[in-house]
Amino acid sequence: MKDTDPVKIDNKPLPIGHVPIYLCVLKDNRISWRARFLHCYMRSFGNDYHHFGIKIAKDLGWDRKTVGAALRELEAATLLERAECHGEGGIFMGYVYLVYPVRRTLYRRLLDESRKSG
């Protein structure tokens, strides 16, 4: 496969428990290596996993400020979306993150193209 070949985006884990990590993210010099690593780490979980900043900081041994900066960087790069999480009675519990395999605009364009051709 050449770099110019179309990429089929699929966020489902592969049968052996792996998730594809796209080179366009790993080679994206517009974001730091820390943010790129965090993106790969977050992608390694299943689609139904809810990421919370405090849990990420604990799991990686990073401080909350470092995790927050990397999450904001990924959000600005449109590699993830942040949404409020509410518990019983609508009580605010924190933020949960939806992780895209590639930048959101590219992801949506490729999904549209695959739907048209499929």
N, C-alpha and C. Protein backbone atom coordinates (compact mmCIF):
# COMPACT_ATOMS: atom_id res chain seq x y z
N MET A 1 0.84 -1.17 0.00
CA MET A 1 0.00 0.00 0.00
C MET A 1 0.89 1.24 0.00
N LYS A 2 0.60 2.17 -0.90
CA LYS A 2 1.35 3.42 -0.98
C LYS A 2 0.70 4.44 -0.06
N ASP A 3 1.45 5.50 0.28
CA ASP A 3 0.93 6.57 1.14
C ASP A 3 -0.28 7.26 0.52
N THR A 4 -0.39 7.21 -0.81
CA THR A 4 -1.49 7.90 -1.48
C THR A 4 -2.74 7.02 -1.60
N ASP A 5 -2.62 5.74 -1.28
CA ASP A 5 -3.79 4.85 -1.35
C ASP A 5 -4.80 5.25 -0.29
N PRO A 6 -6.10 5.11 -0.59
CA PRO A 6 -7.11 5.42 0.42
C PRO A 6 -7.01 4.49 1.62
N VAL A 7 -7.35 5.00 2.77
CA VAL A 7 -7.29 4.24 4.01
C VAL A 7 -8.71 3.97 4.48
N LYS A 8 -9.01 2.73 4.77
CA LYS A 8 -10.30 2.40 5.34
C LYS A 8 -10.19 2.59 6.85
N ILE A 9 -11.01 3.47 7.39
CA ILE A 9 -10.99 3.76 8.81
C ILE A 9 -11.95 2.82 9.52
N ASP A 10 -11.43 2.10 10.49
CA ASP A 10 -12.25 1.19 11.26
C ASP A 10 -11.76 1.24 12.70
N ASN A 11 -12.63 1.63 13.62
CA ASN A 11 -12.23 1.79 15.01
C ASN A 11 -12.47 0.52 15.82
N LYS A 12 -12.76 -0.58 15.16
CA LYS A 12 -13.00 -1.84 15.86
C LYS A 12 -11.67 -2.54 16.11
N PRO A 13 -11.52 -3.16 17.28
CA PRO A 13 -10.28 -3.92 17.51
C PRO A 13 -10.15 -5.05 16.50
N LEU A 14 -8.92 -5.34 16.11
CA LEU A 14 -8.66 -6.46 15.22
C LEU A 14 -8.90 -7.75 15.99
N PRO A 15 -9.11 -8.88 15.30
CA PRO A 15 -9.43 -10.14 16.00
C PRO A 15 -8.43 -10.53 17.07
N ILE A 16 -7.17 -10.15 16.93
CA ILE A 16 -6.17 -10.53 17.91
C ILE A 16 -6.03 -9.51 19.03
N GLY A 17 -6.96 -8.58 19.13
CA GLY A 17 -6.96 -7.62 20.22
C GLY A 17 -6.15 -6.36 19.98
N HIS A 18 -5.77 -6.10 18.75
CA HIS A 18 -5.01 -4.90 18.42
C HIS A 18 -5.89 -3.86 17.75
N VAL A 19 -5.50 -2.62 17.86
CA VAL A 19 -6.21 -1.52 17.21
C VAL A 19 -5.22 -0.85 16.27
N PRO A 20 -5.64 -0.51 15.04
CA PRO A 20 -4.70 0.14 14.13
C PRO A 20 -4.33 1.54 14.62
N ILE A 21 -3.06 1.86 14.52
CA ILE A 21 -2.56 3.20 14.81
C ILE A 21 -2.06 3.74 13.48
N TYR A 22 -2.56 4.87 13.06
CA TYR A 22 -2.28 5.40 11.74
C TYR A 22 -1.03 6.26 11.75
N LEU A 23 -0.17 6.04 10.75
CA LEU A 23 1.09 6.76 10.65
C LEU A 23 0.89 8.26 10.50
N CYS A 24 -0.22 8.68 9.91
CA CYS A 24 -0.45 10.11 9.76
C CYS A 24 -0.54 10.80 11.12
N VAL A 25 -0.91 10.08 12.16
CA VAL A 25 -0.92 10.65 13.51
C VAL A 25 0.49 10.60 14.10
N LEU A 26 1.15 9.48 13.96
CA LEU A 26 2.50 9.33 14.53
C LEU A 26 3.51 10.29 13.89
N LYS A 27 3.30 10.63 12.62
CA LYS A 27 4.21 11.52 11.91
C LYS A 27 3.76 12.98 11.92
N ASP A 28 2.70 13.28 12.62
CA ASP A 28 2.15 14.64 12.64
C ASP A 28 2.99 15.52 13.58
N ASN A 29 3.89 16.31 13.00
CA ASN A 29 4.78 17.15 13.79
C ASN A 29 4.10 18.38 14.37
N ARG A 30 2.82 18.56 14.10
CA ARG A 30 2.08 19.68 14.68
C ARG A 30 1.70 19.42 16.13
N ILE A 31 1.83 18.16 16.57
CA ILE A 31 1.54 17.82 17.96
C ILE A 31 2.78 17.18 18.58
N SER A 32 2.89 17.31 19.88
CA SER A 32 4.07 16.81 20.59
C SER A 32 4.08 15.28 20.64
N TRP A 33 5.27 14.75 20.92
CA TRP A 33 5.38 13.30 21.07
C TRP A 33 4.55 12.81 22.26
N ARG A 34 4.47 13.61 23.30
CA ARG A 34 3.66 13.21 24.46
C ARG A 34 2.20 13.06 24.06
N ALA A 35 1.69 14.01 23.28
CA ALA A 35 0.30 13.94 22.82
C ALA A 35 0.11 12.75 21.87
N ARG A 36 1.08 12.51 21.00
CA ARG A 36 0.98 11.36 20.08
C ARG A 36 0.96 10.05 20.87
N PHE A 37 1.81 9.95 21.88
CA PHE A 37 1.81 8.75 22.71
C PHE A 37 0.46 8.59 23.42
N LEU A 38 -0.04 9.68 23.98
CA LEU A 38 -1.32 9.61 24.69
C LEU A 38 -2.44 9.18 23.75
N HIS A 39 -2.41 9.66 22.51
CA HIS A 39 -3.41 9.26 21.53
C HIS A 39 -3.34 7.75 21.29
N CYS A 40 -2.13 7.22 21.11
CA CYS A 40 -1.96 5.77 20.90
C CYS A 40 -2.44 4.99 22.12
N TYR A 41 -2.10 5.48 23.29
CA TYR A 41 -2.53 4.83 24.53
C TYR A 41 -4.06 4.78 24.62
N MET A 42 -4.69 5.91 24.34
CA MET A 42 -6.15 5.97 24.43
C MET A 42 -6.81 5.10 23.36
N ARG A 43 -6.19 5.00 22.18
CA ARG A 43 -6.73 4.17 21.11
C ARG A 43 -6.63 2.68 21.43
N SER A 44 -5.74 2.32 22.35
CA SER A 44 -5.53 0.91 22.64
C SER A 44 -6.68 0.28 23.43
N PHE A 45 -7.62 1.10 23.88
CA PHE A 45 -8.78 0.60 24.61
C PHE A 45 -9.95 0.43 23.65
N GLY A 46 -10.92 -0.37 24.02
CA GLY A 46 -12.10 -0.60 23.19
C GLY A 46 -12.97 0.64 23.06
N ASN A 47 -13.87 0.59 22.09
CA ASN A 47 -14.76 1.72 21.82
C ASN A 47 -15.64 2.09 23.00
N ASP A 48 -15.95 1.14 23.84
CA ASP A 48 -16.87 1.41 24.95
C ASP A 48 -16.15 1.89 26.21
N TYR A 49 -14.84 2.06 26.14
CA TYR A 49 -14.07 2.50 27.30
C TYR A 49 -14.19 4.02 27.44
N HIS A 50 -14.40 4.48 28.68
CA HIS A 50 -14.51 5.92 28.94
C HIS A 50 -13.22 6.40 29.59
N HIS A 51 -12.54 7.32 28.92
CA HIS A 51 -11.29 7.87 29.41
C HIS A 51 -11.56 9.07 30.31
N PHE A 52 -10.94 9.10 31.46
CA PHE A 52 -11.00 10.23 32.39
C PHE A 52 -9.57 10.68 32.66
N GLY A 53 -9.35 11.99 32.68
CA GLY A 53 -8.02 12.55 32.87
C GLY A 53 -7.32 12.05 34.11
N ILE A 54 -8.03 11.99 35.24
CA ILE A 54 -7.42 11.55 36.50
C ILE A 54 -6.96 10.11 36.40
N LYS A 55 -7.76 9.25 35.79
CA LYS A 55 -7.40 7.84 35.62
C LYS A 55 -6.19 7.70 34.71
N ILE A 56 -6.15 8.48 33.63
CA ILE A 56 -5.01 8.43 32.72
C ILE A 56 -3.73 8.83 33.46
N ALA A 57 -3.80 9.91 34.24
CA ALA A 57 -2.64 10.38 35.00
C ALA A 57 -2.14 9.29 35.94
N LYS A 58 -3.06 8.63 36.61
CA LYS A 58 -2.68 7.57 37.55
C LYS A 58 -2.04 6.39 36.81
N ASP A 59 -2.67 5.96 35.71
CA ASP A 59 -2.17 4.81 34.96
C ASP A 59 -0.79 5.06 34.36
N LEU A 60 -0.55 6.27 33.86
CA LEU A 60 0.72 6.58 33.20
C LEU A 60 1.78 7.14 34.14
N GLY A 61 1.38 7.50 35.35
CA GLY A 61 2.33 8.09 36.28
C GLY A 61 2.68 9.53 35.93
N TRP A 62 1.81 10.19 35.19
CA TRP A 62 1.99 11.60 34.84
C TRP A 62 1.21 12.44 35.81
N ASP A 63 1.61 13.72 35.99
CA ASP A 63 0.79 14.59 36.82
C ASP A 63 -0.42 15.08 36.01
N ARG A 64 -1.43 15.54 36.71
CA ARG A 64 -2.70 15.94 36.06
C ARG A 64 -2.50 17.09 35.09
N LYS A 65 -1.58 18.00 35.42
CA LYS A 65 -1.31 19.14 34.54
C LYS A 65 -0.76 18.68 33.20
N THR A 66 0.15 17.71 33.22
CA THR A 66 0.75 17.16 32.00
C THR A 66 -0.30 16.46 31.16
N VAL A 67 -1.13 15.66 31.81
CA VAL A 67 -2.21 14.96 31.08
C VAL A 67 -3.17 15.99 30.49
N GLY A 68 -3.55 16.99 31.27
CA GLY A 68 -4.46 18.02 30.79
C GLY A 68 -3.92 18.75 29.57
N ALA A 69 -2.63 19.07 29.59
CA ALA A 69 -2.01 19.76 28.46
C ALA A 69 -2.03 18.88 27.21
N ALA A 70 -1.71 17.60 27.36
CA ALA A 70 -1.71 16.67 26.22
C ALA A 70 -3.13 16.47 25.69
N LEU A 71 -4.11 16.38 26.58
CA LEU A 71 -5.51 16.23 26.14
C LEU A 71 -5.98 17.47 25.38
N ARG A 72 -5.61 18.65 25.87
CA ARG A 72 -5.99 19.90 25.17
C ARG A 72 -5.33 19.96 23.80
N GLU A 73 -4.10 19.49 23.72
CA GLU A 73 -3.39 19.46 22.44
C GLU A 73 -4.10 18.53 21.45
N LEU A 74 -4.50 17.37 21.91
CA LEU A 74 -5.22 16.42 21.05
C LEU A 74 -6.58 16.96 20.65
N GLU A 75 -7.23 17.65 21.56
CA GLU A 75 -8.53 18.25 21.24
C GLU A 75 -8.37 19.34 20.19
N ALA A 76 -7.35 20.18 20.32
CA ALA A 76 -7.09 21.23 19.34
C ALA A 76 -6.75 20.64 17.97
N ALA A 77 -6.11 19.48 17.98
CA ALA A 77 -5.74 18.80 16.73
C ALA A 77 -6.90 17.98 16.16
N THR A 78 -8.04 18.05 16.77
CA THR A 78 -9.27 17.32 16.41
C THR A 78 -9.07 15.81 16.38
N LEU A 79 -8.21 15.30 17.27
CA LEU A 79 -8.03 13.86 17.42
C LEU A 79 -8.89 13.29 18.53
N LEU A 80 -9.51 14.16 19.30
CA LEU A 80 -10.48 13.71 20.30
C LEU A 80 -11.48 14.82 20.59
N GLU A 81 -12.60 14.40 21.15
CA GLU A 81 -13.64 15.34 21.59
C GLU A 81 -13.87 15.12 23.07
N ARG A 82 -14.12 16.21 23.77
CA ARG A 82 -14.38 16.16 25.20
C ARG A 82 -15.87 16.38 25.43
N ALA A 83 -16.46 15.57 26.29
CA ALA A 83 -17.88 15.71 26.63
C ALA A 83 -18.04 15.61 28.14
N GLU A 84 -19.01 16.32 28.65
CA GLU A 84 -19.30 16.25 30.08
C GLU A 84 -19.93 14.90 30.42
N CYS A 85 -19.59 14.39 31.58
CA CYS A 85 -20.16 13.13 32.06
C CYS A 85 -20.97 13.45 33.31
N HIS A 86 -22.23 13.04 33.31
CA HIS A 86 -23.13 13.30 34.43
C HIS A 86 -23.59 11.98 35.04
N GLY A 87 -23.66 11.94 36.35
CA GLY A 87 -24.09 10.75 37.06
C GLY A 87 -25.54 10.85 37.49
N GLU A 88 -25.88 10.15 38.57
CA GLU A 88 -27.23 10.14 39.12
C GLU A 88 -27.71 11.56 39.39
N GLY A 89 -28.92 11.86 38.98
CA GLY A 89 -29.50 13.16 39.24
C GLY A 89 -28.85 14.29 38.47
N GLY A 90 -28.09 13.96 37.43
CA GLY A 90 -27.45 14.98 36.61
C GLY A 90 -26.23 15.62 37.24
N ILE A 91 -25.65 14.99 38.27
CA ILE A 91 -24.48 15.54 38.93
C ILE A 91 -23.26 15.41 38.02
N PHE A 92 -22.55 16.52 37.83
CA PHE A 92 -21.36 16.55 36.99
C PHE A 92 -20.28 15.66 37.60
N MET A 93 -19.77 14.71 36.79
CA MET A 93 -18.77 13.76 37.27
C MET A 93 -17.38 14.05 36.70
N GLY A 94 -17.31 14.81 35.63
CA GLY A 94 -16.04 15.10 34.98
C GLY A 94 -16.22 15.08 33.47
N TYR A 95 -15.12 14.94 32.77
CA TYR A 95 -15.15 14.90 31.31
C TYR A 95 -14.75 13.52 30.82
N VAL A 96 -15.37 13.11 29.74
CA VAL A 96 -15.04 11.86 29.09
C VAL A 96 -14.59 12.22 27.68
N TYR A 97 -13.70 11.41 27.11
CA TYR A 97 -13.10 11.73 25.82
C TYR A 97 -13.43 10.68 24.77
N LEU A 98 -13.82 11.14 23.59
CA LEU A 98 -14.05 10.30 22.42
C LEU A 98 -12.81 10.44 21.55
N VAL A 99 -12.14 9.35 21.27
CA VAL A 99 -10.87 9.37 20.53
C VAL A 99 -11.11 8.98 19.08
N TYR A 100 -10.63 9.82 18.16
CA TYR A 100 -10.70 9.52 16.74
C TYR A 100 -9.40 8.85 16.30
N PRO A 101 -9.46 7.93 15.33
CA PRO A 101 -8.23 7.28 14.86
C PRO A 101 -7.31 8.24 14.10
N VAL A 102 -7.89 9.23 13.43
CA VAL A 102 -7.15 10.27 12.70
C VAL A 102 -7.89 11.59 12.95
N ARG A 103 -7.35 12.69 12.43
CA ARG A 103 -8.02 13.98 12.62
C ARG A 103 -9.47 13.88 12.16
N ARG A 104 -10.37 14.52 12.91
CA ARG A 104 -11.81 14.38 12.72
C ARG A 104 -12.26 14.68 11.29
N THR A 105 -11.73 15.72 10.66
CA THR A 105 -12.16 16.05 9.30
C THR A 105 -11.79 14.94 8.32
N LEU A 106 -10.59 14.40 8.45
CA LEU A 106 -10.16 13.29 7.59
C LEU A 106 -11.00 12.05 7.88
N TYR A 107 -11.25 11.78 9.15
CA TYR A 107 -12.06 10.63 9.56
C TYR A 107 -13.45 10.68 8.93
N ARG A 108 -14.10 11.83 9.03
CA ARG A 108 -15.46 11.96 8.47
C ARG A 108 -15.45 11.85 6.95
N ARG A 109 -14.44 12.44 6.30
CA ARG A 109 -14.36 12.35 4.84
C ARG A 109 -14.18 10.91 4.40
N LEU A 110 -13.29 10.18 5.07
CA LEU A 110 -13.05 8.78 4.70
C LEU A 110 -14.27 7.90 4.98
N LEU A 111 -14.98 8.20 6.06
CA LEU A 111 -16.21 7.44 6.32
C LEU A 111 -17.26 7.70 5.25
N ASP A 112 -17.41 8.96 4.85
CA ASP A 112 -18.36 9.28 3.77
C ASP A 112 -17.99 8.58 2.48
N GLU A 113 -16.70 8.58 2.13
CA GLU A 113 -16.24 7.91 0.93
C GLU A 113 -16.48 6.40 0.98
N SER A 114 -16.25 5.79 2.14
CA SER A 114 -16.45 4.35 2.24
C SER A 114 -17.94 3.98 2.18
N ARG A 115 -18.80 4.84 2.68
CA ARG A 115 -20.25 4.60 2.58
C ARG A 115 -20.74 4.72 1.15
N LYS A 116 -20.20 5.67 0.41
CA LYS A 116 -20.59 5.86 -0.99
C LYS A 116 -20.14 4.70 -1.87
N SER A 117 -18.96 4.17 -1.57
CA SER A 117 -18.42 3.09 -2.40
C SER A 117 -18.92 1.72 -1.94
N GLY A 118 -19.42 1.63 -0.73
CA GLY A 118 -19.81 0.33 -0.18
C GLY A 118 -21.23 0.14 -0.20
